[in-house]
N, C-alpha and C. Protein backbone atom coordinates (compact mmCIF):
# COMPACT_ATOMS: atom_id res chain seq x y z
N MET A 1 0.85 -1.18 0.00
CA MET A 1 0.00 0.00 0.00
C MET A 1 0.89 1.24 0.00
N GLY A 2 0.46 2.21 -0.80
CA GLY A 2 1.23 3.43 -0.86
C GLY A 2 0.34 4.65 -0.72
N ASN A 3 0.92 5.74 -0.34
CA ASN A 3 0.21 7.01 -0.20
C ASN A 3 0.48 7.85 -1.44
N TYR A 4 -0.60 8.35 -2.05
CA TYR A 4 -0.47 9.11 -3.29
C TYR A 4 -1.39 10.32 -3.25
N PHE A 5 -1.04 11.30 -4.09
CA PHE A 5 -1.89 12.48 -4.25
C PHE A 5 -2.55 12.41 -5.62
N SER A 6 -3.86 12.65 -5.65
CA SER A 6 -4.58 12.69 -6.92
C SER A 6 -4.20 13.98 -7.64
N PRO A 7 -4.55 14.12 -8.92
CA PRO A 7 -4.25 15.36 -9.64
C PRO A 7 -4.87 16.59 -8.98
N ASN A 8 -5.96 16.40 -8.20
CA ASN A 8 -6.61 17.51 -7.49
C ASN A 8 -6.00 17.77 -6.12
N GLY A 9 -5.03 16.96 -5.72
CA GLY A 9 -4.37 17.16 -4.43
C GLY A 9 -4.96 16.37 -3.29
N ASN A 10 -5.89 15.46 -3.57
CA ASN A 10 -6.47 14.62 -2.52
C ASN A 10 -5.49 13.52 -2.13
N PHE A 11 -5.30 13.34 -0.85
CA PHE A 11 -4.42 12.30 -0.34
C PHE A 11 -5.19 10.98 -0.35
N GLU A 12 -4.63 9.95 -0.98
CA GLU A 12 -5.31 8.66 -1.10
C GLU A 12 -4.32 7.53 -0.89
N VAL A 13 -4.85 6.37 -0.50
CA VAL A 13 -4.04 5.18 -0.29
C VAL A 13 -4.43 4.16 -1.37
N TRP A 14 -3.40 3.67 -2.11
CA TRP A 14 -3.62 2.70 -3.18
C TRP A 14 -2.59 1.58 -3.06
N ASP A 15 -2.96 0.41 -3.62
CA ASP A 15 -1.99 -0.69 -3.68
C ASP A 15 -0.85 -0.33 -4.63
N GLU A 16 -1.22 0.30 -5.77
CA GLU A 16 -0.23 0.72 -6.76
C GLU A 16 -0.53 2.16 -7.13
N LYS A 17 0.48 2.85 -7.59
CA LYS A 17 0.32 4.26 -7.97
C LYS A 17 -0.55 4.34 -9.24
N PRO A 18 -1.73 4.99 -9.13
CA PRO A 18 -2.57 5.15 -10.32
C PRO A 18 -1.93 6.14 -11.29
N GLU A 19 -2.29 6.01 -12.55
CA GLU A 19 -1.78 6.91 -13.58
C GLU A 19 -2.26 8.33 -13.28
N GLY A 20 -1.36 9.29 -13.40
CA GLY A 20 -1.69 10.68 -13.15
C GLY A 20 -1.59 11.09 -11.68
N TYR A 21 -1.32 10.14 -10.79
CA TYR A 21 -1.17 10.42 -9.36
C TYR A 21 0.30 10.69 -9.05
N TYR A 22 0.55 11.24 -7.87
CA TYR A 22 1.90 11.63 -7.49
C TYR A 22 2.27 11.05 -6.14
N THR A 23 3.54 10.73 -5.98
CA THR A 23 4.05 10.39 -4.65
C THR A 23 4.12 11.69 -3.85
N GLU A 24 4.30 11.57 -2.55
CA GLU A 24 4.40 12.77 -1.72
C GLU A 24 5.57 13.64 -2.16
N GLU A 25 6.69 13.03 -2.47
CA GLU A 25 7.86 13.77 -2.91
C GLU A 25 7.58 14.51 -4.22
N GLU A 26 6.95 13.80 -5.18
CA GLU A 26 6.62 14.43 -6.46
C GLU A 26 5.65 15.60 -6.27
N TRP A 27 4.66 15.40 -5.40
CA TRP A 27 3.66 16.46 -5.15
C TRP A 27 4.35 17.69 -4.55
N CYS A 28 5.25 17.48 -3.61
CA CYS A 28 5.93 18.61 -2.95
C CYS A 28 6.82 19.38 -3.92
N VAL A 29 7.44 18.68 -4.86
CA VAL A 29 8.26 19.36 -5.86
C VAL A 29 7.37 20.22 -6.76
N LEU A 30 6.22 19.69 -7.14
CA LEU A 30 5.29 20.41 -8.03
C LEU A 30 4.52 21.51 -7.31
N HIS A 31 4.36 21.39 -5.99
CA HIS A 31 3.56 22.34 -5.21
C HIS A 31 4.31 22.76 -3.95
N PRO A 32 5.38 23.52 -4.11
CA PRO A 32 6.15 23.93 -2.92
C PRO A 32 5.32 24.85 -2.01
N GLU A 33 5.68 24.84 -0.74
CA GLU A 33 5.03 25.75 0.21
C GLU A 33 5.28 27.18 -0.23
N PRO A 34 4.24 28.00 -0.23
CA PRO A 34 4.46 29.40 -0.62
C PRO A 34 5.35 30.12 0.39
N VAL A 35 6.20 30.95 -0.11
CA VAL A 35 7.06 31.75 0.75
C VAL A 35 6.24 32.95 1.23
N PRO A 36 6.15 33.12 2.55
CA PRO A 36 5.35 34.25 3.02
C PRO A 36 5.93 35.57 2.52
N SER A 37 5.06 36.42 2.09
CA SER A 37 5.52 37.72 1.60
C SER A 37 5.67 38.68 2.77
N GLU A 38 6.51 39.65 2.60
CA GLU A 38 6.67 40.69 3.61
C GLU A 38 5.37 41.48 3.70
N PRO A 39 4.93 41.82 4.91
CA PRO A 39 3.71 42.61 5.01
C PRO A 39 3.92 43.99 4.40
N THR A 40 2.85 44.54 3.86
CA THR A 40 2.92 45.89 3.33
C THR A 40 3.06 46.88 4.48
N PHE A 41 3.43 48.09 4.16
CA PHE A 41 3.56 49.12 5.19
C PHE A 41 2.21 49.34 5.89
N GLU A 42 1.12 49.33 5.11
CA GLU A 42 -0.21 49.51 5.70
C GLU A 42 -0.57 48.34 6.62
N GLU A 43 -0.15 47.14 6.26
CA GLU A 43 -0.40 45.98 7.14
C GLU A 43 0.40 46.10 8.44
N VAL A 44 1.63 46.59 8.35
CA VAL A 44 2.44 46.80 9.56
C VAL A 44 1.76 47.82 10.46
N LYS A 45 1.27 48.90 9.86
CA LYS A 45 0.55 49.92 10.64
C LYS A 45 -0.69 49.32 11.31
N ALA A 46 -1.46 48.54 10.56
CA ALA A 46 -2.69 47.95 11.10
C ALA A 46 -2.38 47.01 12.26
N ARG A 47 -1.32 46.22 12.12
CA ARG A 47 -0.93 45.31 13.21
C ARG A 47 -0.49 46.09 14.44
N ALA A 48 0.21 47.19 14.22
CA ALA A 48 0.64 48.04 15.34
C ALA A 48 -0.57 48.63 16.05
N GLN A 49 -1.56 49.08 15.28
CA GLN A 49 -2.78 49.64 15.88
C GLN A 49 -3.49 48.58 16.73
N THR A 50 -3.51 47.34 16.26
CA THR A 50 -4.13 46.24 17.00
C THR A 50 -3.38 45.99 18.30
N ARG A 51 -2.05 46.02 18.24
CA ARG A 51 -1.25 45.83 19.45
C ARG A 51 -1.50 46.95 20.45
N ILE A 52 -1.65 48.17 19.96
CA ILE A 52 -1.93 49.31 20.84
C ILE A 52 -3.30 49.13 21.49
N ASP A 53 -4.29 48.71 20.72
CA ASP A 53 -5.63 48.47 21.28
C ASP A 53 -5.57 47.42 22.39
N SER A 54 -4.83 46.34 22.15
CA SER A 54 -4.72 45.28 23.15
C SER A 54 -4.03 45.78 24.42
N ALA A 55 -2.97 46.55 24.25
CA ALA A 55 -2.26 47.09 25.41
C ALA A 55 -3.13 48.06 26.19
N THR A 56 -3.93 48.84 25.47
CA THR A 56 -4.83 49.79 26.13
C THR A 56 -5.88 49.05 26.94
N SER A 57 -6.48 48.03 26.35
CA SER A 57 -7.47 47.23 27.08
C SER A 57 -6.85 46.62 28.33
N ALA A 58 -5.65 46.08 28.20
CA ALA A 58 -4.98 45.47 29.35
C ALA A 58 -4.72 46.51 30.44
N ALA A 59 -4.30 47.70 30.05
CA ALA A 59 -4.03 48.75 31.03
C ALA A 59 -5.31 49.17 31.76
N ILE A 60 -6.40 49.28 31.02
CA ILE A 60 -7.68 49.65 31.64
C ILE A 60 -8.11 48.56 32.62
N LEU A 61 -8.07 47.32 32.17
CA LEU A 61 -8.52 46.21 32.99
C LEU A 61 -7.63 45.97 34.20
N ALA A 62 -6.39 46.47 34.17
CA ALA A 62 -5.47 46.28 35.30
C ALA A 62 -5.90 47.05 36.54
N GLY A 63 -6.80 48.02 36.38
CA GLY A 63 -7.28 48.76 37.54
C GLY A 63 -6.48 50.02 37.79
N PHE A 64 -6.76 50.66 38.93
CA PHE A 64 -6.17 51.97 39.22
C PHE A 64 -5.99 52.16 40.71
N GLU A 65 -5.18 53.15 41.03
CA GLU A 65 -4.94 53.53 42.43
C GLU A 65 -5.71 54.82 42.70
N TYR A 66 -6.26 54.92 43.92
CA TYR A 66 -7.00 56.13 44.28
C TYR A 66 -6.99 56.27 45.79
N GLU A 67 -6.89 57.51 46.25
CA GLU A 67 -6.88 57.77 47.69
C GLU A 67 -8.30 57.90 48.22
N VAL A 68 -8.60 57.10 49.25
CA VAL A 68 -9.92 57.13 49.89
C VAL A 68 -9.75 57.15 51.41
N GLU A 69 -10.83 57.49 52.07
CA GLU A 69 -10.89 57.41 53.53
C GLU A 69 -11.26 55.98 53.88
N THR A 70 -10.39 55.30 54.64
CA THR A 70 -10.61 53.89 54.96
C THR A 70 -11.26 53.67 56.32
N GLY A 71 -11.44 54.73 57.08
CA GLY A 71 -11.89 54.58 58.46
C GLY A 71 -10.71 54.64 59.41
N GLU A 72 -9.50 54.46 58.86
CA GLU A 72 -8.26 54.56 59.63
C GLU A 72 -7.42 55.71 59.11
N GLY A 73 -8.03 56.56 58.31
CA GLY A 73 -7.32 57.67 57.67
C GLY A 73 -7.34 57.51 56.17
N LYS A 74 -6.76 58.50 55.50
CA LYS A 74 -6.71 58.44 54.03
C LYS A 74 -5.60 57.49 53.60
N GLU A 75 -5.90 56.74 52.54
CA GLU A 75 -4.94 55.75 52.06
C GLU A 75 -5.16 55.54 50.56
N VAL A 76 -4.06 55.36 49.84
CA VAL A 76 -4.15 55.03 48.42
C VAL A 76 -4.34 53.52 48.31
N LEU A 77 -5.43 53.12 47.67
CA LEU A 77 -5.73 51.71 47.48
C LEU A 77 -5.83 51.41 45.99
N HIS A 78 -5.72 50.13 45.68
CA HIS A 78 -5.92 49.67 44.30
C HIS A 78 -7.38 49.28 44.14
N PHE A 79 -7.96 49.61 42.98
CA PHE A 79 -9.33 49.23 42.68
C PHE A 79 -9.34 48.47 41.36
N SER A 80 -10.00 47.33 41.39
CA SER A 80 -10.11 46.50 40.19
C SER A 80 -11.00 47.20 39.17
N TYR A 81 -10.69 47.01 37.88
CA TYR A 81 -11.52 47.62 36.83
C TYR A 81 -11.71 46.66 35.67
N MET A 82 -11.87 45.37 36.02
CA MET A 82 -12.21 44.37 35.01
C MET A 82 -13.59 44.73 34.45
N ALA A 83 -14.01 44.06 33.39
CA ALA A 83 -15.27 44.40 32.71
C ALA A 83 -16.46 44.39 33.67
N ASP A 84 -16.56 43.38 34.53
CA ASP A 84 -17.68 43.34 35.46
C ASP A 84 -17.57 44.46 36.49
N ASP A 85 -16.37 44.82 36.89
CA ASP A 85 -16.18 45.93 37.82
C ASP A 85 -16.61 47.25 37.19
N GLN A 86 -16.31 47.42 35.90
CA GLN A 86 -16.72 48.65 35.21
C GLN A 86 -18.25 48.78 35.24
N GLN A 87 -18.94 47.67 34.97
CA GLN A 87 -20.39 47.71 35.01
C GLN A 87 -20.90 47.98 36.42
N ASN A 88 -20.27 47.36 37.41
CA ASN A 88 -20.68 47.59 38.81
C ASN A 88 -20.45 49.05 39.21
N PHE A 89 -19.33 49.64 38.80
CA PHE A 89 -19.10 51.06 39.08
C PHE A 89 -20.22 51.90 38.48
N THR A 90 -20.55 51.65 37.23
CA THR A 90 -21.57 52.45 36.54
C THR A 90 -22.93 52.30 37.21
N ASP A 91 -23.33 51.07 37.47
CA ASP A 91 -24.63 50.84 38.10
C ASP A 91 -24.70 51.49 39.48
N THR A 92 -23.63 51.34 40.25
CA THR A 92 -23.62 51.91 41.59
C THR A 92 -23.61 53.44 41.54
N ALA A 93 -22.89 54.01 40.58
CA ALA A 93 -22.89 55.47 40.43
C ALA A 93 -24.30 55.97 40.08
N ASN A 94 -24.98 55.26 39.19
CA ASN A 94 -26.35 55.65 38.86
C ASN A 94 -27.25 55.60 40.09
N GLY A 95 -27.11 54.54 40.89
CA GLY A 95 -27.88 54.44 42.13
C GLY A 95 -27.55 55.55 43.10
N ALA A 96 -26.26 55.91 43.20
CA ALA A 96 -25.83 56.97 44.11
C ALA A 96 -26.43 58.32 43.68
N ILE A 97 -26.44 58.58 42.39
CA ILE A 97 -27.02 59.84 41.90
C ILE A 97 -28.51 59.88 42.20
N LEU A 98 -29.19 58.78 41.97
CA LEU A 98 -30.63 58.74 42.27
C LEU A 98 -30.89 58.92 43.77
N ALA A 99 -30.05 58.32 44.61
CA ALA A 99 -30.20 58.48 46.06
C ALA A 99 -30.00 59.94 46.45
N MET A 100 -29.03 60.61 45.82
CA MET A 100 -28.79 62.04 46.11
C MET A 100 -29.98 62.90 45.68
N GLN A 101 -30.71 62.43 44.66
CA GLN A 101 -31.88 63.17 44.19
C GLN A 101 -33.12 62.87 45.01
N GLY A 102 -32.99 62.00 45.99
CA GLY A 102 -34.09 61.74 46.90
C GLY A 102 -34.96 60.55 46.55
N VAL A 103 -34.56 59.74 45.60
CA VAL A 103 -35.34 58.54 45.29
C VAL A 103 -35.32 57.64 46.52
N GLU A 104 -36.50 57.21 46.94
CA GLU A 104 -36.62 56.43 48.16
C GLU A 104 -36.13 54.99 47.98
N ASP A 105 -35.79 54.39 49.11
CA ASP A 105 -35.40 52.99 49.21
C ASP A 105 -34.07 52.66 48.53
N LEU A 106 -33.26 53.65 48.27
CA LEU A 106 -31.92 53.40 47.75
C LEU A 106 -30.91 53.59 48.86
N PRO A 107 -29.84 52.80 48.88
CA PRO A 107 -28.84 52.95 49.94
C PRO A 107 -28.17 54.32 49.90
N THR A 108 -27.85 54.83 51.06
CA THR A 108 -27.12 56.10 51.14
C THR A 108 -25.64 55.87 51.41
N ALA A 109 -25.25 54.61 51.49
CA ALA A 109 -23.84 54.25 51.64
C ALA A 109 -23.56 53.09 50.69
N VAL A 110 -22.31 53.02 50.26
CA VAL A 110 -21.88 52.01 49.31
C VAL A 110 -20.77 51.19 49.95
N LYS A 111 -20.90 49.87 49.88
CA LYS A 111 -19.83 48.98 50.34
C LYS A 111 -19.02 48.61 49.10
N TRP A 112 -17.70 48.78 49.22
CA TRP A 112 -16.84 48.57 48.04
C TRP A 112 -15.52 47.96 48.49
N ASN A 113 -14.88 47.23 47.59
CA ASN A 113 -13.59 46.61 47.89
C ASN A 113 -12.45 47.41 47.29
N GLY A 114 -11.44 47.63 48.11
CA GLY A 114 -10.17 48.18 47.66
C GLY A 114 -9.09 47.20 48.08
N TRP A 115 -7.87 47.40 47.57
CA TRP A 115 -6.79 46.46 47.85
C TRP A 115 -5.54 47.21 48.26
N ARG A 116 -5.02 46.85 49.42
CA ARG A 116 -3.78 47.41 49.95
C ARG A 116 -2.63 46.49 49.53
N ASN A 117 -1.46 47.07 49.27
CA ASN A 117 -0.26 46.30 48.90
C ASN A 117 -0.40 45.55 47.58
N HIS A 118 -1.20 46.07 46.68
CA HIS A 118 -1.41 45.42 45.38
C HIS A 118 -0.16 45.56 44.51
N THR A 119 0.19 44.47 43.83
CA THR A 119 1.23 44.50 42.80
C THR A 119 0.71 43.71 41.61
N ALA A 120 1.45 43.72 40.53
CA ALA A 120 1.05 42.94 39.35
C ALA A 120 0.99 41.45 39.68
N GLU A 121 1.83 41.00 40.62
CA GLU A 121 1.89 39.58 40.97
C GLU A 121 0.99 39.21 42.14
N TYR A 122 0.57 40.20 42.93
CA TYR A 122 -0.19 39.94 44.16
C TYR A 122 -1.41 40.83 44.20
N LYS A 123 -2.58 40.21 44.31
CA LYS A 123 -3.83 40.98 44.31
C LYS A 123 -3.85 42.01 45.42
N GLY A 124 -3.26 41.69 46.55
CA GLY A 124 -3.22 42.62 47.67
C GLY A 124 -4.09 42.15 48.81
N ASP A 125 -4.15 42.99 49.83
CA ASP A 125 -4.94 42.69 51.02
C ASP A 125 -6.26 43.44 50.92
N LEU A 126 -7.35 42.72 51.08
CA LEU A 126 -8.68 43.31 50.96
C LEU A 126 -8.92 44.37 52.02
N VAL A 127 -9.44 45.51 51.57
CA VAL A 127 -9.90 46.56 52.47
C VAL A 127 -11.36 46.80 52.11
N ARG A 128 -12.24 46.47 53.04
CA ARG A 128 -13.67 46.63 52.80
C ARG A 128 -14.05 48.05 53.20
N LEU A 129 -14.55 48.81 52.24
CA LEU A 129 -14.88 50.22 52.46
C LEU A 129 -16.39 50.41 52.58
N VAL A 130 -16.78 51.39 53.38
CA VAL A 130 -18.16 51.86 53.42
C VAL A 130 -18.09 53.35 53.11
N LEU A 131 -18.58 53.70 51.92
CA LEU A 131 -18.48 55.08 51.43
C LEU A 131 -19.86 55.70 51.34
N ASP A 132 -19.97 56.97 51.76
CA ASP A 132 -21.23 57.65 51.50
C ASP A 132 -21.31 57.89 49.99
N VAL A 133 -22.49 58.23 49.47
CA VAL A 133 -22.66 58.31 48.02
C VAL A 133 -21.75 59.35 47.39
N CYS A 134 -21.50 60.46 48.08
CA CYS A 134 -20.60 61.49 47.52
C CYS A 134 -19.17 60.95 47.42
N SER A 135 -18.72 60.25 48.44
CA SER A 135 -17.37 59.67 48.40
C SER A 135 -17.27 58.62 47.31
N PHE A 136 -18.33 57.82 47.13
CA PHE A 136 -18.29 56.83 46.06
C PHE A 136 -18.23 57.53 44.70
N LEU A 137 -19.03 58.57 44.51
CA LEU A 137 -19.01 59.27 43.22
C LEU A 137 -17.66 59.91 42.96
N ASN A 138 -16.98 60.36 44.01
CA ASN A 138 -15.61 60.87 43.85
C ASN A 138 -14.66 59.76 43.39
N LEU A 139 -14.80 58.57 43.99
CA LEU A 139 -13.99 57.41 43.58
C LEU A 139 -14.28 57.08 42.11
N TYR A 140 -15.55 57.10 41.74
CA TYR A 140 -15.93 56.75 40.37
C TYR A 140 -15.41 57.77 39.36
N THR A 141 -15.64 59.06 39.64
CA THR A 141 -15.25 60.08 38.65
C THR A 141 -13.75 60.36 38.70
N GLY A 142 -13.20 60.53 39.90
CA GLY A 142 -11.79 60.88 40.04
C GLY A 142 -10.85 59.70 39.91
N GLY A 143 -11.38 58.50 40.10
CA GLY A 143 -10.56 57.29 40.00
C GLY A 143 -10.84 56.53 38.72
N ALA A 144 -12.00 55.89 38.66
CA ALA A 144 -12.33 55.01 37.54
C ALA A 144 -12.39 55.74 36.20
N LEU A 145 -13.18 56.81 36.15
CA LEU A 145 -13.34 57.50 34.86
C LEU A 145 -12.05 58.19 34.41
N VAL A 146 -11.32 58.78 35.34
CA VAL A 146 -10.04 59.40 34.98
C VAL A 146 -9.06 58.35 34.50
N HIS A 147 -9.03 57.20 35.18
CA HIS A 147 -8.15 56.10 34.77
C HIS A 147 -8.45 55.69 33.33
N LYS A 148 -9.71 55.44 33.03
CA LYS A 148 -10.06 54.98 31.69
C LYS A 148 -9.79 56.07 30.65
N ALA A 149 -10.15 57.30 30.96
CA ALA A 149 -9.92 58.40 30.01
C ALA A 149 -8.42 58.59 29.75
N THR A 150 -7.61 58.45 30.78
CA THR A 150 -6.15 58.57 30.62
C THR A 150 -5.62 57.49 29.69
N GLN A 151 -6.04 56.26 29.90
CA GLN A 151 -5.58 55.17 29.04
C GLN A 151 -6.04 55.36 27.59
N MET A 152 -7.26 55.85 27.42
CA MET A 152 -7.78 56.09 26.06
C MET A 152 -6.99 57.22 25.38
N GLU A 153 -6.60 58.22 26.14
CA GLU A 153 -5.80 59.32 25.58
C GLU A 153 -4.43 58.81 25.15
N ILE A 154 -3.81 58.00 26.00
CA ILE A 154 -2.52 57.40 25.63
C ILE A 154 -2.67 56.59 24.35
N CYS A 155 -3.74 55.82 24.26
CA CYS A 155 -4.01 55.02 23.06
C CYS A 155 -4.11 55.92 21.83
N GLY A 156 -4.86 57.00 21.94
CA GLY A 156 -5.02 57.92 20.81
C GLY A 156 -3.70 58.54 20.38
N GLN A 157 -2.88 58.93 21.34
CA GLN A 157 -1.58 59.51 21.02
C GLN A 157 -0.68 58.50 20.32
N ARG A 158 -0.70 57.27 20.81
CA ARG A 158 0.13 56.23 20.19
C ARG A 158 -0.34 55.91 18.77
N LYS A 159 -1.65 55.83 18.58
CA LYS A 159 -2.17 55.56 17.24
C LYS A 159 -1.81 56.68 16.28
N ALA A 160 -1.86 57.91 16.76
CA ALA A 160 -1.48 59.05 15.91
C ALA A 160 0.00 58.96 15.53
N ALA A 161 0.83 58.56 16.48
CA ALA A 161 2.27 58.43 16.19
C ALA A 161 2.51 57.33 15.16
N ILE A 162 1.78 56.23 15.26
CA ILE A 162 1.91 55.15 14.27
C ILE A 162 1.45 55.65 12.91
N GLU A 163 0.36 56.36 12.88
CA GLU A 163 -0.16 56.87 11.60
C GLU A 163 0.83 57.83 10.95
N ALA A 164 1.55 58.58 11.78
CA ALA A 164 2.51 59.56 11.25
C ALA A 164 3.85 58.92 10.87
N ALA A 165 4.07 57.70 11.32
CA ALA A 165 5.35 57.02 11.02
C ALA A 165 5.50 56.85 9.51
N GLU A 166 6.76 56.92 9.08
CA GLU A 166 7.04 56.83 7.64
C GLU A 166 7.78 55.57 7.25
N THR A 167 8.26 54.80 8.24
CA THR A 167 8.99 53.57 7.94
C THR A 167 8.58 52.47 8.91
N VAL A 168 8.82 51.24 8.50
CA VAL A 168 8.57 50.09 9.36
C VAL A 168 9.46 50.19 10.60
N GLU A 169 10.70 50.60 10.40
CA GLU A 169 11.64 50.71 11.52
C GLU A 169 11.14 51.71 12.55
N GLU A 170 10.56 52.81 12.10
CA GLU A 170 10.03 53.81 13.02
C GLU A 170 8.88 53.21 13.84
N ILE A 171 8.02 52.43 13.19
CA ILE A 171 6.91 51.78 13.90
C ILE A 171 7.46 50.80 14.92
N GLU A 172 8.43 49.99 14.52
CA GLU A 172 9.02 49.01 15.44
C GLU A 172 9.67 49.71 16.63
N ASP A 173 10.35 50.81 16.40
CA ASP A 173 10.98 51.56 17.49
C ASP A 173 9.93 52.09 18.47
N LEU A 174 8.83 52.62 17.93
CA LEU A 174 7.76 53.13 18.79
C LEU A 174 7.16 52.01 19.65
N LEU A 175 6.87 50.90 19.03
CA LEU A 175 6.29 49.77 19.78
C LEU A 175 7.25 49.29 20.87
N ALA A 176 8.54 49.26 20.56
CA ALA A 176 9.53 48.85 21.56
C ALA A 176 9.59 49.87 22.70
N GLU A 177 9.59 51.14 22.35
CA GLU A 177 9.61 52.20 23.38
C GLU A 177 8.43 52.08 24.33
N TRP A 178 7.27 51.74 23.80
CA TRP A 178 6.05 51.62 24.62
C TRP A 178 5.89 50.24 25.23
N ALA A 179 6.81 49.32 24.91
CA ALA A 179 6.73 47.92 25.38
C ALA A 179 5.39 47.31 25.02
N VAL A 180 4.98 47.55 23.78
CA VAL A 180 3.69 47.04 23.28
C VAL A 180 3.96 45.92 22.31
């Protein structure tokens, strides 16, 4: 039994090589693997933009530091800003605004988690906060929203620099400088 390729490139097993069929070696000589072409300058730019988007998303999701009153004094804590945290911040901020406007049966204090001693490798030590609605809105606007807006601005600046680049080497240098 032998392995052969039909004229259409189908791999088949036969007792003997049929007429018009090829051995694997013959097929490979007739149909070499295509040599990948160098990406165009526009493709290099597009890939760089994608890398910048990914880095921006990662930076946003990594969370932020913000100074709050912990009950033991003011302290800078880390706050998570994963996708579900972003939604929780938004929903809680909406509830806080409604509570400030006098809507009944809404909490006037917010329980929230912050993290002390946070590093990239260590989540940190949980600090359970109880914030009045004004303090929570300060955390949301001065912490979460500023964090996200800052990362989006960095993203925009980097994309503009890539768009202005005139060579592949310039793009590669920028990506290396930004560790993206």
